[in-house]
């Protein structure tokens, strides 16, 4: 939670963190019932690919400045998330 405090202070956004040892199953269930988290650290690219295939992901360009994102992250990270 300490690592989230600077983000909350800078943005005014309150973060409700939920941790689990079974994230793939929990995410699959939450997506299936239409109540996914706003943000998740997916444990593997395979699950991200599956969510993308079923159109369960939101395109970041809908709410983020992609040129700013590309300036702040190495191409490797962007490619991994694409």
N, C-alpha and C. Protein backbone atom coordinates (compact mmCIF):
# COMPACT_ATOMS: atom_id res chain seq x y z
N UNK A 1 0.81 -1.19 0.00
CA UNK A 1 0.00 0.00 0.00
C UNK A 1 0.86 1.26 0.00
N UNK A 2 2.07 1.17 0.56
CA UNK A 2 2.96 2.34 0.60
C UNK A 2 3.30 2.82 -0.81
N UNK A 3 3.45 1.90 -1.75
CA UNK A 3 3.80 2.32 -3.10
C UNK A 3 2.64 3.02 -3.80
N UNK A 4 1.42 2.84 -3.31
CA UNK A 4 0.27 3.49 -3.92
C UNK A 4 0.04 4.91 -3.37
N UNK A 5 0.57 5.20 -2.19
CA UNK A 5 0.35 6.51 -1.57
C UNK A 5 0.78 7.68 -2.45
N UNK A 6 1.97 7.65 -3.08
CA UNK A 6 2.34 8.79 -3.94
C UNK A 6 1.37 8.96 -5.12
N UNK A 7 0.91 7.87 -5.69
CA UNK A 7 -0.06 7.95 -6.78
C UNK A 7 -1.36 8.58 -6.30
N UNK A 8 -1.85 8.14 -5.16
CA UNK A 8 -3.09 8.69 -4.62
C UNK A 8 -2.93 10.18 -4.31
N UNK A 9 -1.80 10.56 -3.73
CA UNK A 9 -1.55 11.96 -3.38
C UNK A 9 -1.46 12.84 -4.63
N UNK A 10 -0.82 12.33 -5.68
CA UNK A 10 -0.63 13.12 -6.90
C UNK A 10 -1.90 13.24 -7.74
N UNK A 11 -2.76 12.22 -7.69
CA UNK A 11 -3.93 12.20 -8.57
C UNK A 11 -5.25 12.45 -7.86
N UNK A 12 -5.28 12.22 -6.54
CA UNK A 12 -6.55 12.31 -5.83
C UNK A 12 -7.41 11.09 -6.03
N UNK A 13 -6.87 10.09 -6.71
CA UNK A 13 -7.60 8.84 -6.96
C UNK A 13 -7.36 7.89 -5.79
N UNK A 14 -8.45 7.38 -5.21
CA UNK A 14 -8.33 6.42 -4.12
C UNK A 14 -8.22 5.02 -4.71
N UNK A 15 -7.21 4.29 -4.29
CA UNK A 15 -6.99 2.93 -4.79
C UNK A 15 -7.49 1.92 -3.77
N UNK A 16 -8.29 1.00 -4.23
CA UNK A 16 -8.73 -0.11 -3.39
C UNK A 16 -8.00 -1.35 -3.88
N UNK A 17 -6.96 -1.73 -3.17
CA UNK A 17 -6.12 -2.86 -3.58
C UNK A 17 -6.72 -4.17 -3.07
N UNK A 18 -6.77 -5.14 -3.95
CA UNK A 18 -7.18 -6.49 -3.59
C UNK A 18 -6.12 -7.44 -4.09
N UNK A 19 -5.58 -8.25 -3.21
CA UNK A 19 -4.58 -9.23 -3.60
C UNK A 19 -5.15 -10.64 -3.52
N UNK A 20 -4.62 -11.51 -4.34
CA UNK A 20 -5.05 -12.91 -4.32
C UNK A 20 -3.93 -13.78 -4.86
N UNK A 21 -3.89 -15.00 -4.41
CA UNK A 21 -2.91 -15.96 -4.92
C UNK A 21 -3.44 -16.66 -6.18
N UNK A 22 -4.69 -16.43 -6.51
CA UNK A 22 -5.30 -17.11 -7.65
C UNK A 22 -5.85 -16.08 -8.64
N UNK A 23 -5.01 -15.11 -9.01
CA UNK A 23 -5.45 -14.01 -9.85
C UNK A 23 -6.06 -14.46 -11.18
N UNK A 24 -5.48 -15.40 -11.91
CA UNK A 24 -6.10 -15.79 -13.19
C UNK A 24 -7.56 -16.23 -13.03
N UNK A 25 -7.85 -17.03 -12.03
CA UNK A 25 -9.23 -17.51 -11.83
C UNK A 25 -10.14 -16.37 -11.39
N UNK A 26 -9.64 -15.53 -10.49
CA UNK A 26 -10.45 -14.41 -10.00
C UNK A 26 -10.76 -13.44 -11.15
N UNK A 27 -9.76 -13.09 -11.95
CA UNK A 27 -10.00 -12.19 -13.07
C UNK A 27 -10.97 -12.78 -14.09
N UNK A 28 -10.80 -14.04 -14.39
CA UNK A 28 -11.70 -14.71 -15.34
C UNK A 28 -13.13 -14.64 -14.85
N UNK A 29 -13.33 -14.90 -13.56
CA UNK A 29 -14.69 -14.86 -12.98
C UNK A 29 -15.24 -13.43 -13.02
N UNK A 30 -14.45 -12.44 -12.60
CA UNK A 30 -14.93 -11.06 -12.58
C UNK A 30 -15.25 -10.54 -13.97
N UNK A 31 -14.44 -10.90 -14.96
CA UNK A 31 -14.71 -10.50 -16.34
C UNK A 31 -16.00 -11.17 -16.82
N UNK A 32 -16.16 -12.43 -16.51
CA UNK A 32 -17.35 -13.18 -16.95
C UNK A 32 -18.64 -12.60 -16.40
N UNK A 33 -18.61 -12.09 -15.17
CA UNK A 33 -19.84 -11.53 -14.58
C UNK A 33 -19.99 -10.04 -14.86
N UNK A 34 -19.04 -9.48 -15.63
CA UNK A 34 -19.13 -8.08 -16.01
C UNK A 34 -18.70 -7.09 -14.94
N UNK A 35 -17.84 -7.54 -14.01
CA UNK A 35 -17.39 -6.66 -12.93
C UNK A 35 -15.87 -6.73 -12.77
N UNK A 36 -15.13 -6.47 -13.86
CA UNK A 36 -13.67 -6.56 -13.76
C UNK A 36 -13.10 -5.37 -12.99
N UNK A 37 -11.88 -5.50 -12.48
CA UNK A 37 -11.24 -4.34 -11.86
C UNK A 37 -10.88 -3.32 -12.93
N UNK A 38 -10.70 -2.08 -12.51
CA UNK A 38 -10.27 -1.04 -13.46
C UNK A 38 -8.87 -1.31 -13.96
N UNK A 39 -8.01 -1.81 -13.06
CA UNK A 39 -6.61 -2.08 -13.38
C UNK A 39 -6.21 -3.39 -12.73
N UNK A 40 -5.40 -4.16 -13.45
CA UNK A 40 -4.88 -5.39 -12.87
C UNK A 40 -3.49 -5.65 -13.44
N UNK A 41 -2.65 -6.22 -12.62
CA UNK A 41 -1.33 -6.66 -13.09
C UNK A 41 -1.50 -8.12 -13.49
N UNK A 42 -1.71 -8.33 -14.77
CA UNK A 42 -1.94 -9.69 -15.25
C UNK A 42 -0.69 -10.54 -15.04
N UNK A 43 -0.88 -11.76 -14.56
CA UNK A 43 0.26 -12.60 -14.24
C UNK A 43 1.00 -13.19 -15.43
N UNK A 44 0.35 -13.16 -16.60
CA UNK A 44 1.02 -13.72 -17.77
C UNK A 44 0.43 -13.13 -19.04
N UNK A 45 1.21 -13.03 -20.11
CA UNK A 45 0.68 -12.46 -21.35
C UNK A 45 -0.40 -13.32 -21.99
N UNK A 46 -0.43 -14.60 -21.69
CA UNK A 46 -1.44 -15.48 -22.26
C UNK A 46 -2.84 -15.07 -21.85
N UNK A 47 -3.01 -14.71 -20.59
CA UNK A 47 -4.33 -14.29 -20.13
C UNK A 47 -4.71 -12.94 -20.75
N UNK A 48 -3.74 -12.06 -20.92
CA UNK A 48 -4.02 -10.79 -21.57
C UNK A 48 -4.48 -11.04 -23.01
N UNK A 49 -3.82 -11.95 -23.69
CA UNK A 49 -4.20 -12.28 -25.07
C UNK A 49 -5.63 -12.81 -25.11
N UNK A 50 -5.98 -13.66 -24.16
CA UNK A 50 -7.33 -14.22 -24.11
C UNK A 50 -8.36 -13.12 -23.85
N UNK A 51 -8.08 -12.22 -22.93
CA UNK A 51 -9.00 -11.11 -22.67
C UNK A 51 -9.12 -10.21 -23.90
N UNK A 52 -8.03 -9.98 -24.61
CA UNK A 52 -8.08 -9.17 -25.83
C UNK A 52 -8.92 -9.86 -26.89
N UNK A 53 -8.76 -11.17 -27.02
CA UNK A 53 -9.51 -11.93 -28.02
C UNK A 53 -11.02 -11.82 -27.78
N UNK A 54 -11.41 -11.79 -26.51
CA UNK A 54 -12.84 -11.73 -26.18
C UNK A 54 -13.32 -10.28 -26.00
N UNK A 55 -12.46 -9.32 -26.36
CA UNK A 55 -12.79 -7.89 -26.29
C UNK A 55 -13.09 -7.44 -24.86
N UNK A 56 -12.40 -8.02 -23.89
CA UNK A 56 -12.59 -7.66 -22.49
C UNK A 56 -11.62 -6.58 -22.02
N UNK A 57 -10.71 -6.14 -22.90
CA UNK A 57 -9.76 -5.10 -22.53
C UNK A 57 -10.16 -3.78 -23.16
N UNK A 58 -9.74 -2.69 -22.53
CA UNK A 58 -10.00 -1.35 -23.06
C UNK A 58 -8.71 -0.85 -23.70
N UNK A 59 -8.83 -0.33 -24.90
CA UNK A 59 -7.68 0.24 -25.61
C UNK A 59 -7.20 1.47 -24.86
N UNK A 60 -5.93 1.47 -24.45
CA UNK A 60 -5.38 2.58 -23.68
C UNK A 60 -5.49 3.92 -24.42
N UNK A 61 -5.48 3.89 -25.74
CA UNK A 61 -5.54 5.14 -26.50
C UNK A 61 -6.89 5.84 -26.34
N UNK A 62 -7.88 5.15 -25.76
CA UNK A 62 -9.18 5.77 -25.53
C UNK A 62 -9.13 6.79 -24.40
N UNK A 63 -8.13 6.68 -23.52
CA UNK A 63 -8.09 7.61 -22.38
C UNK A 63 -6.68 8.06 -22.01
N UNK A 64 -5.68 7.65 -22.77
CA UNK A 64 -4.30 8.07 -22.49
C UNK A 64 -3.68 8.69 -23.74
N UNK A 65 -2.76 9.61 -23.51
CA UNK A 65 -1.99 10.19 -24.60
C UNK A 65 -0.89 9.18 -24.96
N UNK A 66 -1.02 8.53 -26.09
CA UNK A 66 -0.11 7.46 -26.46
C UNK A 66 1.30 7.97 -26.72
N UNK A 67 1.45 9.19 -27.22
CA UNK A 67 2.81 9.70 -27.44
C UNK A 67 3.51 9.91 -26.10
N UNK A 68 2.76 10.34 -25.08
CA UNK A 68 3.33 10.48 -23.74
C UNK A 68 3.71 9.11 -23.18
N UNK A 69 2.86 8.14 -23.37
CA UNK A 69 3.14 6.78 -22.91
C UNK A 69 4.40 6.24 -23.57
N UNK A 70 4.53 6.47 -24.88
CA UNK A 70 5.70 6.00 -25.62
C UNK A 70 6.97 6.72 -25.19
N UNK A 71 6.84 7.97 -24.75
CA UNK A 71 8.00 8.71 -24.25
C UNK A 71 8.46 8.20 -22.89
N UNK A 72 7.53 7.69 -22.10
CA UNK A 72 7.82 7.31 -20.72
C UNK A 72 8.16 5.83 -20.54
N UNK A 73 7.83 4.99 -21.53
CA UNK A 73 8.08 3.56 -21.40
C UNK A 73 8.91 3.05 -22.57
N UNK A 74 9.79 2.13 -22.28
CA UNK A 74 10.61 1.52 -23.33
C UNK A 74 9.70 0.73 -24.28
N UNK A 75 10.09 0.68 -25.54
CA UNK A 75 9.31 -0.04 -26.55
C UNK A 75 9.07 -1.49 -26.14
N UNK A 76 10.03 -2.08 -25.46
CA UNK A 76 9.87 -3.46 -24.99
C UNK A 76 8.62 -3.63 -24.14
N UNK A 77 8.40 -2.70 -23.20
CA UNK A 77 7.21 -2.78 -22.33
C UNK A 77 5.94 -2.55 -23.12
N UNK A 78 5.98 -1.61 -24.03
CA UNK A 78 4.78 -1.34 -24.85
C UNK A 78 4.47 -2.55 -25.72
N UNK A 79 5.48 -3.15 -26.32
CA UNK A 79 5.27 -4.34 -27.15
C UNK A 79 4.71 -5.49 -26.31
N UNK A 80 5.21 -5.66 -25.10
CA UNK A 80 4.73 -6.74 -24.25
C UNK A 80 3.25 -6.55 -23.93
N UNK A 81 2.84 -5.31 -23.69
CA UNK A 81 1.44 -5.04 -23.38
C UNK A 81 0.55 -4.93 -24.59
N UNK A 82 1.12 -5.06 -25.77
CA UNK A 82 0.31 -4.94 -26.98
C UNK A 82 -0.05 -6.31 -27.52
